[in-house]
Structures are given as structure tokens and as C-alpha cells.
N, C-alpha and C. Protein backbone atom coordinates (compact mmCIF):
# COMPACT_ATOMS: atom_id res chain seq x y z
N UNK A 1 -5.69 9.32 -9.14
CA UNK A 1 -5.96 7.91 -8.98
C UNK A 1 -5.14 7.36 -7.83
N UNK A 2 -5.74 6.54 -7.02
CA UNK A 2 -5.03 5.94 -5.90
C UNK A 2 -4.20 4.76 -6.37
N UNK A 3 -4.74 3.89 -7.10
CA UNK A 3 -3.99 2.76 -7.62
C UNK A 3 -4.57 2.44 -8.99
N UNK A 4 -3.74 1.90 -9.84
CA UNK A 4 -4.22 1.73 -11.20
C UNK A 4 -3.61 0.50 -11.85
N UNK A 5 -4.42 -0.22 -12.59
CA UNK A 5 -3.86 -1.27 -13.43
C UNK A 5 -3.88 -0.72 -14.85
N UNK A 6 -3.63 -1.54 -15.83
CA UNK A 6 -3.49 -1.02 -17.19
C UNK A 6 -4.79 -0.52 -17.79
N UNK A 7 -5.94 -0.91 -17.24
CA UNK A 7 -7.18 -0.53 -17.89
C UNK A 7 -8.18 0.24 -17.05
N UNK A 8 -7.95 0.36 -15.73
CA UNK A 8 -8.94 1.06 -14.92
C UNK A 8 -8.34 1.67 -13.67
N UNK A 9 -9.02 2.63 -13.10
CA UNK A 9 -8.62 3.24 -11.85
C UNK A 9 -9.49 2.70 -10.73
N UNK A 10 -8.92 2.59 -9.54
CA UNK A 10 -9.67 2.07 -8.41
C UNK A 10 -9.50 3.00 -7.23
N UNK A 11 -10.56 3.69 -6.84
CA UNK A 11 -10.51 4.54 -5.67
C UNK A 11 -11.92 4.86 -5.23
N UNK A 12 -12.09 5.01 -3.93
CA UNK A 12 -13.40 5.38 -3.42
C UNK A 12 -13.23 6.10 -2.10
N UNK A 13 -13.91 7.22 -1.93
CA UNK A 13 -13.87 7.94 -0.67
C UNK A 13 -15.22 7.93 0.00
N UNK A 14 -16.22 7.30 -0.55
CA UNK A 14 -17.54 7.35 0.04
C UNK A 14 -17.59 6.49 1.29
N UNK A 15 -18.25 6.98 2.34
CA UNK A 15 -18.34 6.23 3.58
C UNK A 15 -19.67 5.53 3.75
N UNK A 16 -20.70 5.97 3.06
CA UNK A 16 -21.99 5.33 3.20
C UNK A 16 -22.83 5.57 1.95
N UNK A 17 -24.06 5.11 1.98
CA UNK A 17 -24.93 5.25 0.81
C UNK A 17 -25.30 6.70 0.52
N UNK A 18 -25.11 7.59 1.48
CA UNK A 18 -25.38 9.02 1.26
C UNK A 18 -24.23 9.71 0.57
N UNK A 19 -23.21 8.97 0.23
CA UNK A 19 -22.04 9.47 -0.49
C UNK A 19 -21.32 10.58 0.27
N UNK A 20 -21.25 10.46 1.60
CA UNK A 20 -20.48 11.41 2.39
C UNK A 20 -19.01 11.26 2.02
N UNK A 21 -18.35 12.36 1.82
CA UNK A 21 -16.95 12.31 1.40
C UNK A 21 -16.03 12.52 2.60
N UNK A 22 -15.00 11.70 2.68
CA UNK A 22 -13.98 11.81 3.71
C UNK A 22 -12.75 12.41 3.06
N UNK A 23 -12.16 13.46 3.63
CA UNK A 23 -10.93 13.99 3.04
C UNK A 23 -9.84 12.92 3.01
N UNK A 24 -9.08 12.87 1.94
CA UNK A 24 -8.03 11.86 1.78
C UNK A 24 -7.10 11.81 2.99
N UNK A 25 -6.77 12.96 3.57
CA UNK A 25 -5.82 13.00 4.70
C UNK A 25 -6.34 12.24 5.91
N UNK A 26 -7.65 12.05 6.01
CA UNK A 26 -8.25 11.39 7.17
C UNK A 26 -8.49 9.90 6.96
N UNK A 27 -8.25 9.40 5.78
CA UNK A 27 -8.42 7.97 5.51
C UNK A 27 -7.33 7.20 6.26
N UNK A 28 -7.73 6.25 7.10
CA UNK A 28 -6.78 5.48 7.90
C UNK A 28 -6.58 4.07 7.38
N UNK A 29 -7.50 3.56 6.59
CA UNK A 29 -7.41 2.18 6.13
C UNK A 29 -7.87 2.09 4.68
N UNK A 30 -7.15 1.30 3.91
CA UNK A 30 -7.52 1.09 2.51
C UNK A 30 -7.28 -0.37 2.15
N UNK A 31 -8.21 -0.94 1.42
CA UNK A 31 -8.08 -2.32 0.97
C UNK A 31 -8.32 -2.36 -0.53
N UNK A 32 -7.26 -2.54 -1.27
CA UNK A 32 -7.33 -2.63 -2.73
C UNK A 32 -6.81 -4.00 -3.16
N UNK A 33 -7.35 -5.02 -2.55
CA UNK A 33 -6.97 -6.39 -2.84
C UNK A 33 -7.82 -6.95 -3.98
N UNK A 34 -7.28 -7.95 -4.67
CA UNK A 34 -8.00 -8.68 -5.73
C UNK A 34 -8.45 -7.77 -6.88
N UNK A 35 -7.63 -6.81 -7.26
CA UNK A 35 -8.01 -5.87 -8.33
C UNK A 35 -7.09 -5.93 -9.54
N UNK A 36 -6.18 -6.87 -9.57
CA UNK A 36 -5.23 -7.03 -10.66
C UNK A 36 -4.37 -5.77 -10.87
N UNK A 37 -4.06 -5.08 -9.78
CA UNK A 37 -3.24 -3.87 -9.86
C UNK A 37 -1.82 -4.24 -10.24
N UNK A 38 -1.24 -3.45 -11.11
CA UNK A 38 0.15 -3.65 -11.52
C UNK A 38 1.08 -2.61 -10.93
N UNK A 39 0.51 -1.52 -10.45
CA UNK A 39 1.33 -0.41 -9.96
C UNK A 39 0.55 0.40 -8.94
N UNK A 40 1.25 0.88 -7.91
CA UNK A 40 0.65 1.79 -6.93
C UNK A 40 1.21 3.18 -7.15
N UNK A 41 0.34 4.15 -7.23
CA UNK A 41 0.79 5.55 -7.31
C UNK A 41 -0.37 6.44 -6.93
N UNK A 42 -0.09 7.70 -6.68
CA UNK A 42 -1.13 8.65 -6.31
C UNK A 42 -1.57 8.53 -4.86
N UNK A 43 -0.72 7.94 -4.02
CA UNK A 43 -1.06 7.78 -2.61
C UNK A 43 -0.61 8.94 -1.75
N UNK A 44 -0.03 9.97 -2.34
CA UNK A 44 0.56 11.06 -1.55
C UNK A 44 -0.44 11.82 -0.71
N UNK A 45 -1.72 11.77 -1.03
CA UNK A 45 -2.74 12.47 -0.24
C UNK A 45 -3.20 11.68 0.97
N UNK A 46 -2.81 10.41 1.06
CA UNK A 46 -3.24 9.55 2.17
C UNK A 46 -2.29 9.68 3.36
N UNK A 47 -2.17 10.87 3.88
CA UNK A 47 -1.21 11.16 4.94
C UNK A 47 -1.55 10.50 6.27
N UNK A 48 -2.81 10.16 6.50
CA UNK A 48 -3.22 9.53 7.75
C UNK A 48 -3.35 8.03 7.67
N UNK A 49 -2.92 7.44 6.56
CA UNK A 49 -3.08 6.01 6.34
C UNK A 49 -2.29 5.20 7.37
N UNK A 50 -2.97 4.26 8.05
CA UNK A 50 -2.34 3.41 9.06
C UNK A 50 -2.33 1.94 8.65
N UNK A 51 -3.32 1.51 7.88
CA UNK A 51 -3.41 0.12 7.44
C UNK A 51 -3.72 0.08 5.96
N UNK A 52 -2.97 -0.73 5.22
CA UNK A 52 -3.19 -0.85 3.78
C UNK A 52 -3.01 -2.29 3.35
N UNK A 53 -3.92 -2.72 2.49
CA UNK A 53 -3.84 -4.07 1.94
C UNK A 53 -3.92 -4.01 0.42
N UNK A 54 -2.92 -4.60 -0.21
CA UNK A 54 -2.86 -4.69 -1.67
C UNK A 54 -2.61 -6.15 -2.06
N UNK A 55 -3.28 -7.07 -1.38
CA UNK A 55 -3.08 -8.50 -1.58
C UNK A 55 -3.68 -8.97 -2.91
N UNK A 56 -3.13 -10.07 -3.38
CA UNK A 56 -3.65 -10.75 -4.56
C UNK A 56 -3.81 -9.81 -5.76
N UNK A 57 -2.74 -9.13 -6.09
CA UNK A 57 -2.69 -8.27 -7.26
C UNK A 57 -1.53 -8.73 -8.14
N UNK A 58 -1.06 -7.87 -9.00
CA UNK A 58 0.05 -8.19 -9.90
C UNK A 58 1.21 -7.22 -9.71
N UNK A 59 1.38 -6.74 -8.49
CA UNK A 59 2.44 -5.78 -8.19
C UNK A 59 3.80 -6.46 -8.23
N UNK A 60 4.75 -5.84 -8.92
CA UNK A 60 6.10 -6.39 -8.99
C UNK A 60 7.09 -5.55 -8.19
N UNK A 61 6.67 -4.36 -7.76
CA UNK A 61 7.54 -3.46 -6.98
C UNK A 61 6.77 -2.85 -5.83
N UNK A 62 7.50 -2.52 -4.76
CA UNK A 62 6.93 -1.75 -3.67
C UNK A 62 7.28 -0.30 -3.97
N UNK A 63 6.27 0.49 -4.28
CA UNK A 63 6.50 1.89 -4.64
C UNK A 63 5.25 2.70 -4.31
N UNK A 64 5.40 4.01 -4.26
CA UNK A 64 4.27 4.90 -4.08
C UNK A 64 3.81 5.09 -2.66
N UNK A 65 4.54 4.55 -1.68
CA UNK A 65 4.12 4.65 -0.29
C UNK A 65 4.95 5.65 0.52
N UNK A 66 5.84 6.38 -0.12
CA UNK A 66 6.77 7.28 0.56
C UNK A 66 6.09 8.29 1.47
N UNK A 67 4.91 8.77 1.10
CA UNK A 67 4.21 9.81 1.86
C UNK A 67 3.31 9.24 2.95
N UNK A 68 3.24 7.94 3.05
CA UNK A 68 2.37 7.29 4.03
C UNK A 68 3.17 6.97 5.29
N UNK A 69 3.76 7.99 5.89
CA UNK A 69 4.68 7.82 7.02
C UNK A 69 4.02 7.27 8.27
N UNK A 70 2.70 7.33 8.40
CA UNK A 70 2.01 6.81 9.57
C UNK A 70 1.61 5.34 9.42
N UNK A 71 1.94 4.75 8.30
CA UNK A 71 1.55 3.37 8.02
C UNK A 71 2.13 2.42 9.06
N UNK A 72 1.25 1.62 9.69
CA UNK A 72 1.65 0.66 10.71
C UNK A 72 1.53 -0.78 10.20
N UNK A 73 0.56 -1.04 9.33
CA UNK A 73 0.33 -2.38 8.82
C UNK A 73 0.24 -2.34 7.29
N UNK A 74 1.02 -3.18 6.65
CA UNK A 74 1.04 -3.23 5.19
C UNK A 74 1.01 -4.69 4.75
N UNK A 75 0.01 -5.01 3.94
CA UNK A 75 -0.11 -6.37 3.43
C UNK A 75 0.02 -6.36 1.92
N UNK A 76 1.03 -7.06 1.44
CA UNK A 76 1.33 -7.17 0.01
C UNK A 76 1.39 -8.64 -0.39
N UNK A 77 0.67 -9.47 0.32
CA UNK A 77 0.70 -10.91 0.08
C UNK A 77 0.18 -11.26 -1.31
N UNK A 78 0.77 -12.28 -1.88
CA UNK A 78 0.34 -12.86 -3.16
C UNK A 78 0.38 -11.85 -4.31
N UNK A 79 1.56 -11.31 -4.54
CA UNK A 79 1.84 -10.43 -5.68
C UNK A 79 3.02 -11.02 -6.44
N UNK A 80 3.75 -10.18 -7.13
CA UNK A 80 4.92 -10.62 -7.90
C UNK A 80 6.18 -9.86 -7.50
N UNK A 81 6.22 -9.47 -6.25
CA UNK A 81 7.33 -8.65 -5.74
C UNK A 81 8.60 -9.50 -5.66
N UNK A 82 9.69 -8.98 -6.23
CA UNK A 82 10.96 -9.70 -6.23
C UNK A 82 12.03 -9.04 -5.36
N UNK A 83 11.79 -7.79 -4.98
CA UNK A 83 12.79 -7.05 -4.21
C UNK A 83 12.11 -6.22 -3.13
N UNK A 84 12.61 -6.32 -1.89
CA UNK A 84 12.13 -5.46 -0.82
C UNK A 84 12.89 -4.14 -0.90
N UNK A 85 12.18 -3.09 -1.22
CA UNK A 85 12.80 -1.77 -1.35
C UNK A 85 11.75 -0.70 -1.09
N UNK A 86 12.19 0.52 -0.92
CA UNK A 86 11.33 1.69 -0.74
C UNK A 86 10.48 1.63 0.52
N UNK A 87 10.93 0.91 1.53
CA UNK A 87 10.19 0.83 2.78
C UNK A 87 10.77 1.73 3.87
N UNK A 88 11.94 2.27 3.68
CA UNK A 88 12.63 3.07 4.70
C UNK A 88 11.78 4.22 5.26
N UNK A 89 10.97 4.93 4.46
CA UNK A 89 10.16 6.02 5.02
C UNK A 89 9.05 5.56 5.96
N UNK A 90 8.80 4.26 6.04
CA UNK A 90 7.70 3.74 6.83
C UNK A 90 8.18 3.29 8.21
N UNK A 91 8.77 4.21 8.96
CA UNK A 91 9.41 3.91 10.24
C UNK A 91 8.44 3.37 11.30
N UNK A 92 7.15 3.63 11.18
CA UNK A 92 6.16 3.16 12.16
C UNK A 92 5.61 1.77 11.82
N UNK A 93 6.05 1.22 10.72
CA UNK A 93 5.55 -0.08 10.28
C UNK A 93 5.86 -1.16 11.33
N UNK A 94 4.83 -1.84 11.81
CA UNK A 94 5.04 -2.90 12.79
C UNK A 94 4.52 -4.25 12.28
N UNK A 95 3.83 -4.23 11.15
CA UNK A 95 3.37 -5.49 10.54
C UNK A 95 3.53 -5.39 9.03
N UNK A 96 4.23 -6.37 8.47
CA UNK A 96 4.48 -6.40 7.04
C UNK A 96 4.25 -7.82 6.55
N UNK A 97 3.27 -8.00 5.67
CA UNK A 97 2.95 -9.32 5.14
C UNK A 97 3.36 -9.39 3.68
N UNK A 98 4.33 -10.24 3.40
CA UNK A 98 4.87 -10.38 2.05
C UNK A 98 4.82 -11.82 1.55
N UNK A 99 4.01 -12.65 2.18
CA UNK A 99 3.92 -14.05 1.79
C UNK A 99 3.48 -14.20 0.34
N UNK A 100 3.85 -15.31 -0.26
CA UNK A 100 3.48 -15.65 -1.64
C UNK A 100 3.96 -14.61 -2.65
N UNK A 101 5.21 -14.19 -2.51
CA UNK A 101 5.87 -13.32 -3.48
C UNK A 101 7.13 -14.04 -3.95
N UNK A 102 7.91 -13.39 -4.77
CA UNK A 102 9.13 -13.98 -5.33
C UNK A 102 10.36 -13.18 -4.89
N UNK A 103 10.45 -12.89 -3.62
CA UNK A 103 11.49 -12.01 -3.10
C UNK A 103 12.86 -12.67 -3.17
N UNK A 104 13.79 -11.99 -3.83
CA UNK A 104 15.15 -12.49 -3.96
C UNK A 104 16.17 -11.52 -3.39
N UNK A 105 15.74 -10.28 -3.12
CA UNK A 105 16.67 -9.25 -2.63
C UNK A 105 15.98 -8.41 -1.57
N UNK A 106 16.68 -8.19 -0.47
CA UNK A 106 16.14 -7.37 0.62
C UNK A 106 17.05 -6.17 0.80
N UNK A 107 16.44 -4.97 0.80
CA UNK A 107 17.21 -3.74 0.90
C UNK A 107 16.46 -2.72 1.76
N UNK A 108 17.12 -2.14 2.74
CA UNK A 108 16.58 -1.01 3.47
C UNK A 108 15.65 -1.34 4.64
N UNK A 109 15.78 -2.50 5.23
CA UNK A 109 14.92 -2.83 6.36
C UNK A 109 15.48 -2.34 7.70
N UNK A 110 16.72 -1.88 7.71
CA UNK A 110 17.35 -1.48 8.97
C UNK A 110 16.64 -0.32 9.68
N UNK A 111 15.90 0.50 8.96
CA UNK A 111 15.17 1.62 9.57
C UNK A 111 13.83 1.18 10.16
N UNK A 112 13.41 -0.03 9.86
CA UNK A 112 12.10 -0.52 10.32
C UNK A 112 12.27 -1.30 11.63
N UNK A 113 12.56 -0.57 12.69
CA UNK A 113 12.88 -1.18 13.97
C UNK A 113 11.67 -1.73 14.71
N UNK A 114 10.47 -1.41 14.27
CA UNK A 114 9.26 -1.89 14.94
C UNK A 114 8.74 -3.22 14.38
N UNK A 115 9.34 -3.69 13.31
CA UNK A 115 8.91 -4.96 12.72
C UNK A 115 9.27 -6.12 13.62
């Protein structure tokens, strides 16, 4: 599972109506917004991911992105995140959207020199 809330899994690799499958390693963009996600996990196969959006969910932590080292843009707007953490492996990150969260603690941004 790519991302999961308490009752369902959300993932899709189909590129068109013919159900052509794209290998996870080649996926460059993912948008899992507005899905009431509470947790991100199972992203380790998305090695080529460059843009990800998890806006308008119920995420309280930034986690599960350690293997997405090519990530350049990350949008986590309108969640329940209270602490900036676990971003150090994302050295290529040049855009980070965290608006409409409840951030009270920032940790580990010194490695993100492209922000």
C-alpha cells in the first residue's frame, strides 16, 4: 500500500484506460490529496518520485518519505502536522508547502539547502 487511512488503501499505477502499468521506480509524481489519510507508508518503491502532494488529509507526522531521495516538491498543506521532522534525507527538496498545519517544532532543516 502506498498510503493508508484506517479503513482503505489508496494507490494506482494505471496510466490510461488500457490499464498500462508503470513500474513504481519510474513514477515521478503522486497526488494523494483529499483522501483522509492518517499515515504515509509503503513509499519505498517510489525511488524516482520528484513531486508529491498529500494535501487536505489527516496526517499528524511527516514519515515514510526516507527512500524518496529525488523528491523536489512536497506539499503537505492542510493536515495536522505539529512537528517538522524526517525531512533530512530529502536533500533535493526545493519546494515545501506546509501551510494550514499546527507546527510547533522544527527539526532537521539544516540539510535542506535548496529550500
